[in-house]
Protein backbone atom coordinates (compact mmCIF):
# COMPACT_ATOMS: atom_id res chain seq x y z
CA MET A 1 18.92 -18.75 -8.03
CA SER A 2 19.39 -15.59 -10.16
CA LEU A 3 16.46 -15.18 -12.75
CA SER A 4 17.03 -13.72 -16.34
CA ARG A 5 15.17 -10.28 -17.41
CA ARG A 6 12.14 -12.76 -19.06
CA GLN A 7 11.87 -14.40 -15.89
CA LEU A 8 11.52 -11.23 -13.43
CA PHE A 9 8.51 -10.35 -13.69
CA GLY A 10 9.76 -6.78 -15.16
CA LEU A 11 12.92 -6.81 -12.73
CA SER A 12 16.34 -6.45 -14.23
CA GLY A 13 18.43 -9.53 -13.25
CA GLY A 14 19.01 -10.71 -10.01
CA ILE A 15 17.08 -8.10 -7.84
CA VAL A 16 14.20 -10.37 -6.80
CA SER A 17 15.46 -14.48 -6.71
CA GLY A 18 12.81 -16.37 -7.99
CA VAL A 19 12.32 -19.95 -6.12
CA ALA A 20 11.69 -23.24 -8.33
CA LEU A 21 8.72 -25.11 -7.00
CA ALA A 22 6.97 -27.88 -7.44
CA ALA A 23 3.68 -27.95 -9.09
CA CYS A 24 0.85 -27.65 -6.25
CA GLY A 25 -2.69 -26.77 -5.77
CA LEU A 26 -3.83 -22.88 -4.76
CA SER A 27 -3.03 -22.09 -1.21
CA LEU A 28 -5.48 -19.71 1.00
CA THR A 29 -4.46 -20.45 4.01
CA SER A 30 -4.76 -17.68 6.23
CA PRO A 31 -2.22 -17.21 9.09
CA GLY A 32 -3.27 -14.32 11.21
CA GLY A 33 -6.43 -13.54 9.20
CA SER A 34 -3.97 -13.00 6.20
CA THR A 35 -5.18 -14.31 2.52
CA GLY A 36 -1.60 -15.71 1.51
CA THR A 37 1.37 -18.23 2.17
CA LEU A 38 4.20 -17.25 4.04
CA LEU A 39 7.56 -17.58 2.36
CA THR A 40 10.34 -18.58 4.80
CA SER A 41 13.65 -16.88 4.60
CA SER A 42 17.01 -18.87 4.15
CA VAL A 43 19.23 -16.59 5.59
CA PRO A 44 19.64 -15.79 9.70
CA LEU A 45 17.35 -12.94 10.75
CA PRO A 46 18.02 -10.25 13.09
CA ARG A 47 16.46 -10.19 16.52
CA PRO A 48 14.07 -7.72 16.97
CA PHE A 49 14.67 -4.07 18.11
CA GLY A 50 18.32 -4.21 17.10
CA THR A 51 18.03 -1.73 14.53
CA ASP A 52 17.28 2.26 14.55
CA LEU A 53 14.20 3.30 12.89
CA PRO A 54 15.64 5.44 9.73
CA ARG A 55 13.80 8.73 9.10
CA LEU A 56 12.32 8.83 5.64
CA THR A 57 14.16 11.23 3.54
CA PRO A 58 12.01 13.88 2.15
CA LEU A 59 11.59 14.90 -1.56
CA ARG A 60 9.59 18.42 -1.93
CA PRO A 61 9.00 20.19 -4.74
CA ASP A 62 11.09 23.57 -5.88
CA ARG A 63 9.30 26.78 -6.58
CA ASP A 64 7.60 26.01 -9.71
CA GLY A 65 6.36 22.67 -8.21
CA ARG A 66 8.60 20.70 -10.15
CA ALA A 67 10.16 17.38 -8.43
CA ARG A 68 12.18 14.40 -10.07
CA ILE A 69 12.40 11.29 -8.84
CA THR A 70 14.68 8.06 -10.60
CA VAL A 71 13.56 4.14 -10.62
CA ARG A 72 17.34 3.12 -10.37
CA ARG A 73 18.64 -0.40 -9.38
CA LYS A 74 21.07 -0.21 -5.88
CA ALA A 75 22.42 -2.43 -3.30
CA VAL A 76 21.56 -1.43 -0.03
CA GLU A 77 21.85 -2.70 3.47
CA ILE A 78 18.49 -4.26 4.94
CA LEU A 79 19.16 -6.82 6.99
CA PRO A 80 22.33 -5.68 9.66
CA GLY A 81 26.01 -6.60 8.02
CA ARG A 82 24.56 -8.08 4.51
CA THR A 83 23.75 -6.10 1.13
CA THR A 84 20.70 -6.72 -0.77
CA GLU A 85 19.95 -5.16 -3.89
CA ILE A 86 16.54 -3.51 -4.90
CA ALA A 87 15.15 -1.56 -7.57
CA GLY A 88 13.70 1.72 -6.13
CA TYR A 89 12.93 5.54 -6.03
CA GLU A 90 16.09 7.29 -6.01
CA GLY A 91 17.86 3.60 -5.29
CA LEU A 92 16.85 3.95 -1.42
CA PHE A 93 15.41 1.80 0.76
CA PRO A 94 13.30 3.01 2.12
CA VAL A 95 12.09 5.47 -0.77
CA PRO A 96 11.72 9.35 -0.44
CA THR A 97 8.68 10.40 1.18
CA ILE A 98 7.17 13.20 -1.14
CA GLU A 99 5.83 16.26 0.87
CA ALA A 100 3.24 18.85 -1.18
CA THR A 101 0.75 21.07 -0.33
CA LYS A 102 -3.13 21.11 -0.80
CA GLY A 103 -3.71 23.53 -3.75
CA VAL A 104 -0.52 23.72 -4.81
CA PRO A 105 0.02 21.69 -8.29
CA LEU A 106 2.84 19.10 -8.06
CA HIS A 107 4.40 18.25 -11.39
CA LEU A 108 6.49 14.91 -10.72
CA THR A 109 9.07 13.65 -13.48
CA VAL A 110 9.38 9.63 -13.01
CA ALA A 111 12.60 8.45 -15.07
CA ASN A 112 12.82 4.96 -15.57
CA ASP A 113 16.61 3.45 -15.26
CA LEU A 114 15.72 0.21 -15.28
CA ASP A 115 15.44 -1.90 -18.52
CA VAL A 116 11.62 -2.90 -18.28
CA PRO A 117 8.58 -0.25 -18.16
CA ILE A 118 7.03 0.76 -15.29
CA VAL A 119 4.19 2.65 -14.25
CA ASN A 120 3.32 5.12 -11.57
CA HIS A 121 0.18 5.49 -9.62
CA LEU A 122 -0.62 8.25 -6.87
CA HIS A 123 -2.62 6.19 -4.49
CA GLY A 124 -5.34 8.49 -3.21
CA GLY A 125 -4.70 11.04 -5.83
CA VAL A 126 -7.87 12.69 -7.76
CA VAL A 127 -5.89 12.95 -10.96
CA PRO A 128 -6.82 12.98 -14.52
CA PRO A 129 -6.58 9.68 -16.21
CA GLU A 130 -3.43 10.32 -18.15
CA HIS A 131 -1.83 10.87 -14.98
CA ASP A 132 -3.24 8.59 -12.86
CA GLY A 133 -1.01 5.42 -13.67
CA TYR A 134 -3.48 2.93 -15.53
CA PRO A 135 -1.81 -0.25 -15.99
CA THR A 136 -0.56 -0.06 -19.73
CA ASP A 137 0.51 3.76 -19.56
CA PHE A 138 4.29 2.67 -19.30
CA VAL A 139 7.22 4.76 -18.70
CA GLN A 140 10.00 2.84 -21.40
CA PRO A 141 13.18 1.93 -19.91
CA ARG A 142 16.13 4.98 -20.32
CA ALA A 143 12.84 7.32 -20.44
CA SER A 144 10.87 9.73 -18.45
CA ARG A 145 7.49 11.03 -18.27
CA VAL A 146 5.90 14.60 -16.04
CA TYR A 147 2.93 13.11 -14.09
CA ASP A 148 1.08 16.28 -13.36
CA TYR A 149 -1.07 16.02 -9.93
CA PRO A 150 -3.38 19.09 -9.16
CA LEU A 151 -3.75 17.99 -5.38
CA GLU A 152 -6.94 19.60 -4.99
CA GLN A 153 -8.20 17.60 -2.57
CA ARG A 154 -8.27 16.85 1.53
CA ALA A 155 -5.05 16.90 3.27
CA ALA A 156 -3.88 13.10 3.90
CA MET A 157 -1.10 10.60 3.85
CA LEU A 158 -1.32 9.16 0.30
CA TRP A 159 1.12 7.09 -1.31
CA TYR A 160 2.59 6.63 -4.61
CA HIS A 161 3.56 3.30 -5.98
CA ASP A 162 4.16 1.22 -9.51
CA HIS A 163 1.31 -0.27 -11.14
CA ALA A 164 2.45 -2.03 -14.17
CA MET A 165 -0.15 -4.59 -15.80
CA ASP A 166 0.68 -8.32 -13.74
CA LEU A 167 3.93 -6.78 -12.21
CA THR A 168 2.54 -4.49 -9.45
CA GLY A 169 3.71 -7.24 -6.65
CA PRO A 170 7.07 -7.95 -7.42
CA ASN A 171 7.69 -4.42 -8.65
CA VAL A 172 6.18 -3.01 -5.27
CA TYR A 173 8.13 -5.72 -3.47
CA ALA A 174 11.72 -4.58 -5.12
CA ASP A 175 11.16 -1.21 -3.48
CA MET A 176 8.86 0.86 -5.86
CA ALA A 177 6.43 2.46 -3.17
CA GLY A 178 6.65 5.00 -0.43
CA ALA A 179 4.85 7.45 1.11
CA PHE A 180 3.29 11.01 0.31
CA VAL A 181 2.26 13.53 2.94
CA LEU A 182 -0.10 15.97 1.39
CA ARG A 183 -0.28 18.91 3.91
CA ASP A 184 -2.91 21.91 4.84
CA PRO A 185 -1.31 24.68 6.26
CA ALA A 186 -5.07 25.00 7.98
CA GLU A 187 -3.75 22.02 9.90
CA GLU A 188 -1.19 23.41 11.91
CA GLU A 189 -3.91 25.57 13.85
CA LEU A 190 -5.23 22.13 15.56
CA GLY A 191 -2.14 21.95 17.57
CA LEU A 192 -1.24 17.72 16.82
CA PRO A 193 1.91 16.72 17.07
CA SER A 194 4.75 18.17 14.51
CA GLU A 195 8.00 18.20 13.64
CA GLU A 196 10.27 15.42 15.42
CA ARG A 197 7.07 14.31 16.78
CA GLU A 198 5.61 13.41 13.43
CA LEU A 199 6.79 10.06 12.70
CA THR A 200 6.09 8.28 8.98
CA LEU A 201 5.66 4.63 9.41
CA VAL A 202 6.01 2.59 6.28
CA ILE A 203 5.52 -0.95 7.01
CA THR A 204 6.19 -3.82 4.57
CA ASP A 205 7.28 -7.64 4.98
CA ARG A 206 9.96 -9.37 3.28
CA SER A 207 11.69 -12.60 2.79
CA PHE A 208 15.45 -13.01 1.94
CA GLY A 209 17.30 -16.03 0.46
CA ASP A 210 21.00 -17.11 1.41
CA ASP A 211 22.55 -14.14 0.20
CA ALA A 212 20.36 -11.69 1.52
CA GLU A 213 18.58 -11.24 -1.64
CA LEU A 214 14.82 -10.52 -1.97
CA VAL A 215 12.77 -13.67 -2.49
CA TYR A 216 9.85 -13.50 -4.51
CA PRO A 217 8.19 -17.05 -5.91
CA VAL A 218 8.12 -16.97 -9.73
CA THR A 219 9.10 -19.60 -12.05
CA ASP A 220 9.22 -18.80 -15.64
CA GLY A 221 7.88 -15.44 -14.97
CA VAL A 222 4.56 -16.35 -13.50
CA ILE A 223 4.01 -16.78 -9.48
CA ASP A 224 3.78 -19.92 -8.19
CA ALA A 225 0.26 -21.58 -7.36
CA ARG A 226 0.78 -21.84 -3.69
CA TYR A 227 1.43 -17.86 -3.69
CA HIS A 228 -1.60 -17.35 -5.97
CA GLY A 229 -3.73 -16.40 -2.79
CA GLY A 230 -0.93 -13.55 -1.73
CA LEU A 231 2.91 -13.69 -0.28
CA LEU A 232 3.57 -13.16 2.98
CA GLY A 233 7.23 -12.10 4.10
CA ASP A 234 8.61 -13.38 7.16
CA VAL A 235 10.58 -10.06 8.01
CA LEU A 236 8.68 -7.13 9.44
CA LEU A 237 10.32 -4.06 8.11
CA VAL A 238 9.03 -0.35 9.06
CA ASN A 239 10.86 2.71 6.82
CA GLY A 240 13.05 -0.32 5.23
CA ALA A 241 14.76 -1.70 8.81
CA PRO A 242 14.08 -4.97 10.68
CA TRP A 243 12.10 -4.70 13.49
CA PRO A 244 13.52 -1.30 14.54
CA ARG A 245 13.49 0.98 17.91
CA THR A 246 13.72 4.32 18.55
CA ASP A 247 13.96 6.87 21.17
CA VAL A 248 10.52 9.12 22.04
CA ASP A 249 10.28 11.97 24.35
CA ALA A 250 7.75 11.22 27.21
CA ALA A 251 5.32 13.21 25.25
CA ARG A 252 2.60 12.70 22.59
CA TYR A 253 3.56 11.48 19.11
CA ARG A 254 1.70 11.36 15.46
CA LEU A 255 2.10 8.44 13.64
CA ARG A 256 1.18 8.29 10.28
CA ILE A 257 0.89 4.40 9.15
CA LEU A 258 0.88 2.92 5.84
CA ASN A 259 0.44 -0.70 5.41
CA ALA A 260 2.58 -1.22 2.26
CA CYS A 261 2.40 -4.96 2.43
CA ASN A 262 1.41 -7.08 -0.65
CA ALA A 263 -0.91 -9.43 1.64
CA ARG A 264 -0.62 -9.06 5.01
CA ARG A 265 -2.84 -7.59 7.65
CA LEU A 266 -1.73 -5.85 10.46
CA GLU A 267 -4.06 -5.38 13.70
CA LEU A 268 -1.85 -2.77 15.68
CA ALA A 269 -1.84 -2.56 19.28
CA LEU A 270 0.65 -1.07 22.24
CA ASP A 271 2.52 -3.53 24.90
CA PRO A 272 2.36 -3.33 27.89
CA GLY A 273 -0.68 -0.91 26.50
CA GLY A 274 -1.94 2.34 26.17
CA ASP A 275 -4.56 4.18 23.53
CA LEU A 276 -4.11 4.87 19.77
CA VAL A 277 -5.88 7.79 19.51
CA GLN A 278 -6.69 7.72 15.73
CA VAL A 279 -7.48 11.32 14.07
CA GLY A 280 -7.22 10.40 10.44
CA THR A 281 -8.06 7.68 7.95
CA ASP A 282 -6.84 7.16 3.99
CA LEU A 283 -8.06 10.60 3.03
CA GLY A 284 -7.59 12.51 5.77
CA LEU A 285 -8.72 13.58 9.28
CA MET A 286 -11.80 12.43 10.61
CA THR A 287 -14.48 14.61 12.35
CA ARG A 288 -13.26 13.72 16.00
CA PRO A 289 -10.86 11.45 17.49
CA HIS A 290 -11.30 8.31 18.52
CA ARG A 291 -9.50 6.14 21.12
CA ARG A 292 -8.50 2.44 20.44
CA SER A 293 -6.91 -0.17 21.74
CA THR A 294 -6.26 -1.69 18.43
CA LEU A 295 -6.32 -0.73 15.26
CA THR A 296 -6.53 -3.32 11.98
CA LEU A 297 -5.04 -2.35 8.56
CA ALA A 298 -5.32 -4.30 5.02
CA PRO A 299 -2.96 -3.93 2.61
CA ALA A 300 -3.09 -0.11 1.36
CA GLU A 301 -5.00 1.17 4.29
CA ARG A 302 -3.68 4.19 6.51
CA ALA A 303 -4.16 5.73 9.76
CA ASP A 304 -3.26 9.05 11.54
CA VAL A 305 -2.92 8.21 15.16
CA VAL A 306 -1.51 9.85 18.23
CA VAL A 307 0.14 7.92 21.23
CA ASP A 308 1.18 9.54 24.08
CA PHE A 309 4.36 8.49 25.77
CA SER A 310 3.94 10.67 28.69
CA GLU A 311 1.85 7.97 30.25
CA HIS A 312 4.98 5.80 30.51
CA GLU A 313 7.73 6.45 32.79
CA VAL A 314 11.29 7.26 31.62
CA GLY A 315 13.29 4.35 31.15
CA SER A 316 10.54 2.18 29.75
CA GLN A 317 9.70 0.51 26.49
CA VAL A 318 6.41 0.60 24.39
CA THR A 319 6.16 -2.07 21.67
CA LEU A 320 3.84 -1.80 18.68
CA VAL A 321 2.86 -5.12 17.87
CA ASN A 322 0.72 -7.09 15.48
CA ARG A 323 -1.82 -9.09 17.13
CA LEU A 324 -2.74 -11.21 14.34
CA ASP A 325 0.66 -13.24 14.25
CA GLY A 326 2.76 -14.73 16.98
CA GLY A 327 6.46 -14.78 17.11
CA ALA A 328 8.90 -12.59 15.44
CA MET A 329 5.88 -11.39 13.19
CA GLY A 330 3.75 -10.37 15.97
CA GLN A 331 6.16 -7.64 16.68
CA VAL A 332 6.68 -4.30 14.75
CA MET A 333 8.94 -2.23 16.62
CA ARG A 334 9.78 -0.44 19.87
CA PHE A 335 9.77 3.02 21.23
CA ASP A 336 12.31 3.48 23.91
CA VAL A 337 10.92 6.68 26.39
CA ALA A 338 14.27 8.44 26.97
CA ARG A 339 13.40 11.53 29.06
CA ARG A 340 11.02 14.39 29.62
CA ALA A 341 10.21 16.85 27.62
CA ARG A 342 7.78 20.25 27.27
CA ASP A 343 4.94 18.92 25.15
CA ASP A 344 2.37 21.97 23.72
CA SER A 345 0.54 19.60 21.29
CA HIS A 346 -3.22 18.58 22.25
CA VAL A 347 -5.86 16.44 20.21
CA PRO A 348 -8.79 18.69 19.99
CA SER A 349 -11.63 17.36 20.26
CA ARG A 350 -13.23 18.60 16.69
CA LEU A 351 -10.96 18.10 14.02
CA SER A 352 -12.52 18.61 10.70
CA SER A 353 -15.92 18.87 8.93
CA ILE A 354 -17.19 16.05 6.98
CA GLU A 355 -20.75 16.55 5.00
CA ARG A 356 -22.73 12.98 5.58
CA LEU A 357 -24.15 12.03 2.04
CA ASP A 358 -27.67 11.37 1.95
CA PRO A 359 -28.24 7.89 0.67
CA ALA A 360 -31.42 9.48 -1.10
CA ASP A 361 -29.45 10.84 -3.30
CA VAL A 362 -28.03 7.70 -5.15
CA VAL A 363 -28.86 7.64 -8.54
CA VAL A 364 -27.68 4.21 -9.66
CA THR A 365 -26.26 1.06 -7.09
CA ARG A 366 -23.94 -1.28 -8.38
CA ASP A 367 -22.86 -4.55 -7.35
CA PHE A 368 -19.20 -5.80 -7.33
CA LYS A 369 -18.20 -9.64 -6.90
CA LEU A 370 -14.63 -10.75 -6.23
CA SER A 371 -13.74 -14.27 -6.00
CA LEU A 372 -11.53 -16.89 -7.53
CA GLY A 373 -12.62 -17.78 -10.73
CA GLU A 374 -12.52 -20.65 -13.05
CA ARG A 375 -9.61 -22.73 -13.61
CA GLY A 376 -8.23 -21.70 -17.27
CA GLN A 377 -9.62 -18.39 -17.34
CA GLY A 378 -7.03 -15.86 -18.93
CA HIS A 379 -7.11 -12.24 -19.67
CA GLY A 380 -6.63 -11.99 -23.13
CA SER A 381 -3.33 -11.48 -25.22
CA HIS A 382 -1.97 -8.00 -23.87
CA GLY A 383 1.45 -9.50 -22.43
CA SER A 384 2.97 -8.23 -20.01
CA ALA A 385 5.87 -5.88 -19.35
CA GLY A 386 8.61 -8.27 -18.41
CA GLY A 387 8.18 -10.22 -21.87
CA SER A 388 5.82 -13.18 -20.31
CA SER A 389 2.36 -13.79 -20.77
CA GLY A 390 0.42 -13.18 -17.81
CA GLY A 391 -2.21 -15.19 -19.31
CA GLY A 392 -3.11 -18.47 -16.99
CA ARG A 393 -0.53 -20.86 -16.04
CA ASP A 394 1.13 -21.44 -12.68
CA GLY A 395 4.49 -22.20 -12.04
CA GLY A 396 4.48 -25.82 -12.31
CA GLY A 397 2.50 -25.53 -15.87
CA GLY A 398 -1.01 -26.25 -15.02
CA ASP A 399 -4.01 -24.21 -15.61
CA LEU A 400 -4.43 -21.82 -12.61
CA ALA A 401 -7.84 -19.99 -11.92
CA MET A 402 -7.79 -16.28 -12.13
CA TRP A 403 -9.12 -13.78 -9.50
CA THR A 404 -11.87 -12.01 -10.97
CA VAL A 405 -14.55 -9.16 -10.45
CA ASN A 406 -18.21 -10.10 -11.48
CA ASP A 407 -16.85 -13.36 -12.61
CA GLN A 408 -14.34 -11.86 -15.02
CA PRO A 409 -10.63 -11.62 -15.07
CA TYR A 410 -9.22 -8.02 -16.11
CA ARG A 411 -9.71 -6.87 -19.57
CA PRO A 412 -8.28 -3.73 -20.37
CA GLY A 413 -10.49 -1.41 -22.03
CA VAL A 414 -13.41 -2.95 -21.38
CA ASP A 415 -15.68 -0.94 -18.56
CA ILE A 416 -17.63 -2.51 -15.90
CA ALA A 417 -19.20 0.31 -15.13
CA ARG A 418 -19.83 3.94 -16.77
CA PRO A 419 -20.43 6.31 -13.81
CA ARG A 420 -21.77 9.94 -14.51
CA LEU A 421 -19.64 12.86 -13.43
CA GLY A 422 -21.39 15.02 -10.52
CA THR A 423 -23.70 12.19 -9.23
CA LEU A 424 -23.75 10.02 -5.98
CA GLU A 425 -23.59 6.30 -6.37
CA ARG A 426 -23.86 3.37 -4.05
CA TRP A 427 -21.33 0.59 -4.24
CA ARG A 428 -21.69 -3.04 -2.89
CA PHE A 429 -18.84 -5.48 -2.69
CA THR A 430 -19.13 -9.15 -2.05
CA THR A 431 -16.07 -11.32 -1.26
CA ASP A 432 -15.10 -14.91 -1.12
CA VAL A 433 -11.67 -14.59 1.05
CA HIS A 434 -10.06 -11.18 2.45
CA HIS A 435 -10.21 -8.27 -0.40
CA PRO A 436 -8.95 -4.85 0.52
CA VAL A 437 -10.66 -2.99 -2.23
CA HIS A 438 -9.23 0.16 -3.83
CA ALA A 439 -10.94 2.42 -6.77
CA HIS A 440 -8.64 4.80 -8.31
CA LEU A 441 -9.89 8.92 -8.44
CA VAL A 442 -12.75 8.37 -6.22
CA GLY A 443 -13.11 8.09 -2.45
CA PHE A 444 -15.80 5.97 -0.26
CA GLN A 445 -17.66 7.18 2.54
CA VAL A 446 -18.24 5.09 5.34
CA GLU A 447 -19.65 5.08 9.01
CA GLN A 448 -16.90 4.62 11.59
CA ASP A 449 -17.89 5.21 15.22
CA GLY A 450 -21.09 7.06 14.16
CA ALA A 451 -19.42 9.42 11.72
CA PRO A 452 -18.76 9.82 8.44
CA VAL A 453 -14.99 9.08 7.13
CA TRP A 454 -13.44 9.24 3.71
CA LYS A 455 -11.73 6.13 2.63
CA ASP A 456 -10.12 4.98 -0.68
CA THR A 457 -9.63 1.46 0.29
CA ILE A 458 -11.85 -0.73 2.37
CA ASP A 459 -10.98 -4.14 3.71
CA VAL A 460 -13.64 -6.66 3.09
CA GLY A 461 -13.97 -10.01 5.07
CA PRO A 462 -14.30 -13.53 3.79
CA THR A 463 -17.94 -14.46 2.65
CA SER A 464 -19.15 -10.06 3.57
CA ARG A 465 -20.75 -7.39 1.68
CA ALA A 466 -19.61 -3.87 2.26
CA GLU A 467 -21.50 -1.09 1.02
CA VAL A 468 -19.93 2.31 0.26
CA LEU A 469 -21.64 5.81 -1.22
CA VAL A 470 -19.13 7.09 -3.52
CA PRO A 471 -19.60 10.71 -5.32
CA ILE A 472 -18.44 10.89 -8.80
CA GLU A 473 -16.18 13.98 -8.68
CA GLY A 474 -13.07 15.00 -10.30
CA TYR A 475 -12.50 14.05 -13.97
CA ARG A 476 -13.77 12.21 -16.79
CA GLY A 477 -11.95 9.05 -18.32
CA ARG A 478 -10.70 5.71 -17.76
CA TYR A 479 -9.77 4.29 -13.87
CA VAL A 480 -9.52 1.05 -12.56
CA LEU A 481 -10.90 -0.63 -9.48
CA HIS A 482 -9.22 -3.87 -7.99
CA CYS A 483 -8.22 -5.67 -5.01
CA HIS A 484 -4.92 -4.42 -3.28
CA ASN A 485 -3.86 -7.80 -2.50
CA LEU A 486 -0.86 -7.46 -4.92
CA GLU A 487 -1.30 -11.28 -6.02
CA HIS A 488 -4.79 -10.73 -6.58
CA GLU A 489 -4.30 -7.78 -8.53
CA ASP A 490 -1.63 -8.91 -10.78
CA ARG A 491 -3.61 -12.33 -11.14
CA MET A 492 -6.79 -10.04 -12.79
CA MET A 493 -8.57 -9.48 -9.91
CA MET A 494 -9.33 -5.36 -11.58
CA ALA A 495 -11.88 -3.99 -13.65
CA ASP A 496 -11.94 -0.57 -15.59
CA PHE A 497 -14.66 1.93 -15.05
CA SER A 498 -15.44 4.95 -17.23
CA VAL A 499 -16.60 8.39 -16.00
CA VAL A 500 -18.87 10.16 -18.23
């Protein structure tokens, strides 16, 4: 069914179809280790590896460091031979990849051509609070605003996406998310694969209705109870194409991988075998490379890996698979080794320098519990951008528990912590089910393979505890911490913190 503007969680009519479902209890089933519920498409789906991998459209600033991007509706081809209406940056699916340079400020104008408010957030960016994308800092319909990004931080693959209050899940699902590659010219000296042998892979999952429309399970503007734990699509897309394939040389390739799914976790591997040589995490290069047979990414996590296709014969096929799922969802994309070619790249034994933080310097230890709250807990009367209350009833009309941080659903303007600029803190997270935890502004230092690495999202398993060191750097002001399972975030698993 096609929903009205008010029913579309902030998306203008017809982009994301709702599904009217009977009232039911909350589902936390976890196929493949992902917290959430599978939504099955009703349109016939293509076989894997029948479409070519799209190359992402680059968006680069002009000489003055300015760039412009518009959120608009457009009908595009996602499933072969069919059209799907999206609401995305520049009306593209996939959206443009923004490319910028470390130390060169970017002034990004975001124009809103929709009829509902939006918010833009640079995920992983060290950004002043007024430009960070606070959930109620809306760009109104038919308006625009400039986001100033200093980019005085480590080079990395960041990403940008909508962050509107209560609406992040459906807005990202409708196409408001894309890669942001922050480059450092000094990295060119490392000799890693580049140019045509550097591929950015944005992985998402979606479900489609009878007419190939995107389907998101809302009724009267509120997600149905059974998807309250997370929405899992049944079509895996890479750069906007379902289960694509691409020709590669028998040479090394650098793959920058982003899990942009709403809720689905991925455990990536190569079939019939081969190493994923990890060289980077969310926030840039590691100190040294690490060979892996598998690589697990929760929603919002990124990894920078090198794959050497010269280990395979010309004419062979190498499939990137997802070991957390079977069937079609266990397939991601295929690389067809097409030709021999000269390869001057290499992976150095030393990639970067990361100073290991000293736990003795910690001035405050903070505990954050991420869990499902009590039934009927709301989050106040702020309302949502789409005009419907976000405050606590499921699609069948019964009270539905909110996701919480420290037993409190999100309350805009109420700080859960007030860290002091220039200090080092220890943050400890405990969980009930899987929660990928992300904080704006700050980075997390964690140990990985015996060395420190920088992350902005960490995957905390069910009934687990994770501990990170957090240097409070950047800017004073209010930011948010939240779960990056977007259905958890929209149902109040978020909290403010203010740097003082």
